[in-house]
Amino acid sequence: MLSLAVFALIAGCLSLPGGTERLTEKNNGTDVHLTVGDTLIVTLNANPTTGYNWEIEALNPLLLSRVGAPQFLTSSQMIGASGKMVFTFKASSPGTCDLSLVYRRSWERNANPAGLFKISLTIKE
């Protein structure tokens, strides 16, 4: 696993085509504006060792496509340490949609999620 410091260093050196919008928990419930080709990176606090994990609940893949699998990053080598779950998306087509992520245990589908991250996206040409 990469440490958060190494991830931040690598992310700062990468040149992604288009613009890059970085969001965290503080952006929950906001309206986000992107341009086709932009990259959206969502970083949320997580601790998968508790059984909880962030999952995509709502996404329009025609407008916003996932880039790779989510990455769990931690700055600790301790077993059970918390860290950050990082989701990367690419704005593919113009339009509006919601992006919703839920924090829950996979076996508790009918239970209320422990966390919710939702944004409204507007993607322009």
C-alpha atoms as a PDB file:
ATOM      1  CA  MET A   1       0.000   0.000   0.000  1.00  0.00           C
ATOM      2  CA  LEU A   2       1.172   3.475  -0.779  1.00  0.00           C
ATOM      3  CA  SER A   3       1.386   5.926   2.045  1.00  0.00           C
ATOM      4  CA  LEU A   4      -0.636   9.130   1.785  1.00  0.00           C
ATOM      5  CA  ALA A   5       2.545  11.176   1.523  1.00  0.00           C
ATOM      6  CA  VAL A   6       3.819   9.117  -1.412  1.00  0.00           C
ATOM      7  CA  PHE A   7       0.394   9.289  -3.093  1.00  0.00           C
ATOM      8  CA  ALA A   8       0.291  13.075  -2.698  1.00  0.00           C
ATOM      9  CA  LEU A   9       3.777  13.358  -4.186  1.00  0.00           C
ATOM     10  CA  ILE A  10       2.918  11.133  -7.146  1.00  0.00           C
ATOM     11  CA  ALA A  11      -0.454  12.825  -7.724  1.00  0.00           C
ATOM     12  CA  GLY A  12       1.218  16.225  -7.682  1.00  0.00           C
ATOM     13  CA  CYS A  13       3.680  15.140 -10.374  1.00  0.00           C
ATOM     14  CA  LEU A  14       1.201  13.475 -12.722  1.00  0.00           C
ATOM     15  CA  SER A  15      -0.052  15.436 -15.651  1.00  0.00           C
ATOM     16  CA  LEU A  16      -3.658  14.500 -16.317  1.00  0.00           C
ATOM     17  CA  PRO A  17      -5.267  15.737 -19.538  1.00  0.00           C
ATOM     18  CA  GLY A  18      -7.973  18.302 -18.930  1.00  0.00           C
ATOM     19  CA  GLY A  19      -8.533  19.814 -15.536  1.00  0.00           C
ATOM     20  CA  THR A  20      -8.610  17.958 -12.241  1.00  0.00           C
ATOM     21  CA  GLU A  21     -11.227  18.515  -9.546  1.00  0.00           C
ATOM     22  CA  ARG A  22     -10.363  17.057  -6.105  1.00  0.00           C
ATOM     23  CA  LEU A  23     -13.176  16.526  -3.600  1.00  0.00           C
ATOM     24  CA  THR A  24     -13.374  15.363   0.019  1.00  0.00           C
ATOM     25  CA  GLU A  25     -16.119  14.986   2.654  1.00  0.00           C
ATOM     26  CA  LYS A  26     -16.376  18.774   2.914  1.00  0.00           C
ATOM     27  CA  ASN A  27     -17.741  18.852  -0.662  1.00  0.00           C
ATOM     28  CA  ASN A  28     -20.660  16.557   0.202  1.00  0.00           C
ATOM     29  CA  GLY A  29     -23.955  17.977  -1.057  1.00  0.00           C
ATOM     30  CA  THR A  30     -22.371  20.493  -3.424  1.00  0.00           C
ATOM     31  CA  ASP A  31     -22.798  21.229  -7.128  1.00  0.00           C
ATOM     32  CA  VAL A  32     -19.681  20.469  -9.152  1.00  0.00           C
ATOM     33  CA  HIS A  33     -18.983  21.782 -12.654  1.00  0.00           C
ATOM     34  CA  LEU A  34     -16.690  19.886 -15.004  1.00  0.00           C
ATOM     35  CA  THR A  35     -15.705  20.048 -18.649  1.00  0.00           C
ATOM     36  CA  VAL A  36     -15.583  16.959 -20.877  1.00  0.00           C
ATOM     37  CA  GLY A  37     -12.111  15.468 -20.407  1.00  0.00           C
ATOM     38  CA  ASP A  38     -11.742  16.648 -16.802  1.00  0.00           C
ATOM     39  CA  THR A  39     -10.719  14.227 -14.072  1.00  0.00           C
ATOM     40  CA  LEU A  40     -12.659  14.020 -10.807  1.00  0.00           C
ATOM     41  CA  ILE A  41     -10.898  12.591  -7.746  1.00  0.00           C
ATOM     42  CA  VAL A  42     -12.994  11.881  -4.642  1.00  0.00           C
ATOM     43  CA  THR A  43     -11.064  11.084  -1.426  1.00  0.00           C
ATOM     44  CA  LEU A  44     -13.041   9.886   1.594  1.00  0.00           C
ATOM     45  CA  ASN A  45     -12.069   8.667   5.067  1.00  0.00           C
ATOM     46  CA  ALA A  46     -12.356   4.883   5.345  1.00  0.00           C
ATOM     47  CA  ASN A  47     -11.420   1.860   7.412  1.00  0.00           C
ATOM     48  CA  PRO A  48     -12.183  -1.347   5.479  1.00  0.00           C
ATOM     49  CA  THR A  49     -10.998  -3.532   8.376  1.00  0.00           C
ATOM     50  CA  THR A  50     -14.260  -2.668  10.161  1.00  0.00           C
ATOM     51  CA  GLY A  51     -16.211  -4.222   7.298  1.00  0.00           C
ATOM     52  CA  TYR A  52     -17.304  -0.809   6.035  1.00  0.00           C
ATOM     53  CA  ASN A  53     -16.380   0.270   2.544  1.00  0.00           C
ATOM     54  CA  TRP A  54     -17.346   3.051   0.156  1.00  0.00           C
ATOM     55  CA  GLU A  55     -19.435   1.864  -2.796  1.00  0.00           C
ATOM     56  CA  ILE A  56     -20.815   3.719  -5.788  1.00  0.00           C
ATOM     57  CA  GLU A  57     -24.586   3.897  -5.411  1.00  0.00           C
ATOM     58  CA  ALA A  58     -25.479   6.242  -8.283  1.00  0.00           C
ATOM     59  CA  LEU A  59     -23.431   7.103 -11.362  1.00  0.00           C
ATOM     60  CA  ASN A  60     -24.311   7.771 -14.998  1.00  0.00           C
ATOM     61  CA  PRO A  61     -21.493   5.951 -16.843  1.00  0.00           C
ATOM     62  CA  LEU A  62     -22.423   7.712 -20.093  1.00  0.00           C
ATOM     63  CA  LEU A  63     -21.412  11.039 -18.539  1.00  0.00           C
ATOM     64  CA  LEU A  64     -18.863  10.068 -15.894  1.00  0.00           C
ATOM     65  CA  SER A  65     -16.708   6.962 -16.229  1.00  0.00           C
ATOM     66  CA  ARG A  66     -14.636   5.277 -13.527  1.00  0.00           C
ATOM     67  CA  VAL A  67     -10.898   5.243 -14.014  1.00  0.00           C
ATOM     68  CA  GLY A  68      -9.549   2.053 -12.465  1.00  0.00           C
ATOM     69  CA  ALA A  69     -10.565   0.540  -9.167  1.00  0.00           C
ATOM     70  CA  PRO A  70     -10.834   2.604  -5.979  1.00  0.00           C
ATOM     71  CA  GLN A  71      -7.573   2.763  -4.041  1.00  0.00           C
ATOM     72  CA  PHE A  72      -7.208   2.498  -0.260  1.00  0.00           C
ATOM     73  CA  LEU A  73      -4.298   4.552   1.044  1.00  0.00           C
ATOM     74  CA  THR A  74      -2.988   4.689   4.582  1.00  0.00           C
ATOM     75  CA  SER A  75       0.003   6.351   6.208  1.00  0.00           C
ATOM     76  CA  SER A  76       0.272   3.608   8.847  1.00  0.00           C
ATOM     77  CA  GLN A  77       1.597   0.072   8.691  1.00  0.00           C
ATOM     78  CA  MET A  78      -0.544  -0.869  11.711  1.00  0.00           C
ATOM     79  CA  ILE A  79      -3.105  -3.611  11.141  1.00  0.00           C
ATOM     80  CA  GLY A  80      -6.602  -2.121  11.202  1.00  0.00           C
ATOM     81  CA  ALA A  81      -5.414   1.434  10.548  1.00  0.00           C
ATOM     82  CA  SER A  82      -7.808   3.837   8.895  1.00  0.00           C
ATOM     83  CA  GLY A  83      -6.951   5.738   5.758  1.00  0.00           C
ATOM     84  CA  LYS A  84      -8.482   7.230   2.637  1.00  0.00           C
ATOM     85  CA  MET A  85     -10.475   5.642  -0.177  1.00  0.00           C
ATOM     86  CA  VAL A  86      -9.746   7.344  -3.494  1.00  0.00           C
ATOM     87  CA  PHE A  87     -12.128   7.163  -6.469  1.00  0.00           C
ATOM     88  CA  THR A  88     -11.096   8.551  -9.866  1.00  0.00           C
ATOM     89  CA  PHE A  89     -13.551   9.442 -12.622  1.00  0.00           C
ATOM     90  CA  LYS A  90     -13.368  11.007 -16.083  1.00  0.00           C
ATOM     91  CA  ALA A  91     -15.990  13.400 -17.484  1.00  0.00           C
ATOM     92  CA  SER A  92     -16.965  11.688 -20.754  1.00  0.00           C
ATOM     93  CA  SER A  93     -19.970  13.573 -22.146  1.00  0.00           C
ATOM     94  CA  PRO A  94     -21.913  16.756 -21.442  1.00  0.00           C
ATOM     95  CA  GLY A  95     -24.982  16.588 -19.216  1.00  0.00           C
ATOM     96  CA  THR A  96     -26.106  16.569 -15.606  1.00  0.00           C
ATOM     97  CA  CYS A  97     -26.147  13.686 -13.138  1.00  0.00           C
ATOM     98  CA  ASP A  98     -25.652  12.799  -9.501  1.00  0.00           C
ATOM     99  CA  LEU A  99     -22.743  10.872  -8.076  1.00  0.00           C
ATOM    100  CA  SER A 100     -23.564   9.050  -4.831  1.00  0.00           C
ATOM    101  CA  LEU A 101     -21.232   6.955  -2.706  1.00  0.00           C
ATOM    102  CA  VAL A 102     -22.361   5.044   0.381  1.00  0.00           C
ATOM    103  CA  TYR A 103     -20.282   3.776   3.295  1.00  0.00           C
ATOM    104  CA  ARG A 104     -21.676   0.438   4.449  1.00  0.00           C
ATOM    105  CA  ARG A 105     -20.990  -3.196   5.114  1.00  0.00           C
ATOM    106  CA  SER A 106     -21.615  -5.291   1.996  1.00  0.00           C
ATOM    107  CA  TRP A 107     -23.667  -7.836   3.928  1.00  0.00           C
ATOM    108  CA  GLU A 108     -25.970  -5.177   5.425  1.00  0.00           C
ATOM    109  CA  ARG A 109     -27.687  -4.033   2.221  1.00  0.00           C
ATOM    110  CA  ASN A 110     -30.976  -3.189   3.969  1.00  0.00           C
ATOM    111  CA  ALA A 111     -29.370  -1.198   6.797  1.00  0.00           C
ATOM    112  CA  ASN A 112     -28.945   2.557   6.604  1.00  0.00           C
ATOM    113  CA  PRO A 113     -25.439   3.408   5.405  1.00  0.00           C
ATOM    114  CA  ALA A 114     -22.937   4.712   7.952  1.00  0.00           C
ATOM    115  CA  GLY A 115     -22.018   7.485   5.518  1.00  0.00           C
ATOM    116  CA  LEU A 116     -23.252   9.135   2.341  1.00  0.00           C
ATOM    117  CA  PHE A 117     -21.401  11.325  -0.140  1.00  0.00           C
ATOM    118  CA  LYS A 118     -23.493  12.888  -2.871  1.00  0.00           C
ATOM    119  CA  ILE A 119     -22.778  15.623  -5.397  1.00  0.00           C
ATOM    120  CA  SER A 120     -24.662  17.031  -8.392  1.00  0.00           C
ATOM    121  CA  LEU A 121     -22.547  17.238 -11.517  1.00  0.00           C
ATOM    122  CA  THR A 122     -22.843  19.493 -14.531  1.00  0.00           C
ATOM    123  CA  ILE A 123     -20.520  18.543 -17.369  1.00  0.00           C
ATOM    124  CA  LYS A 124     -20.047  20.944 -20.281  1.00  0.00           C
ATOM    125  CA  GLU A 125     -18.313  20.628 -23.653  1.00  0.00           C
END
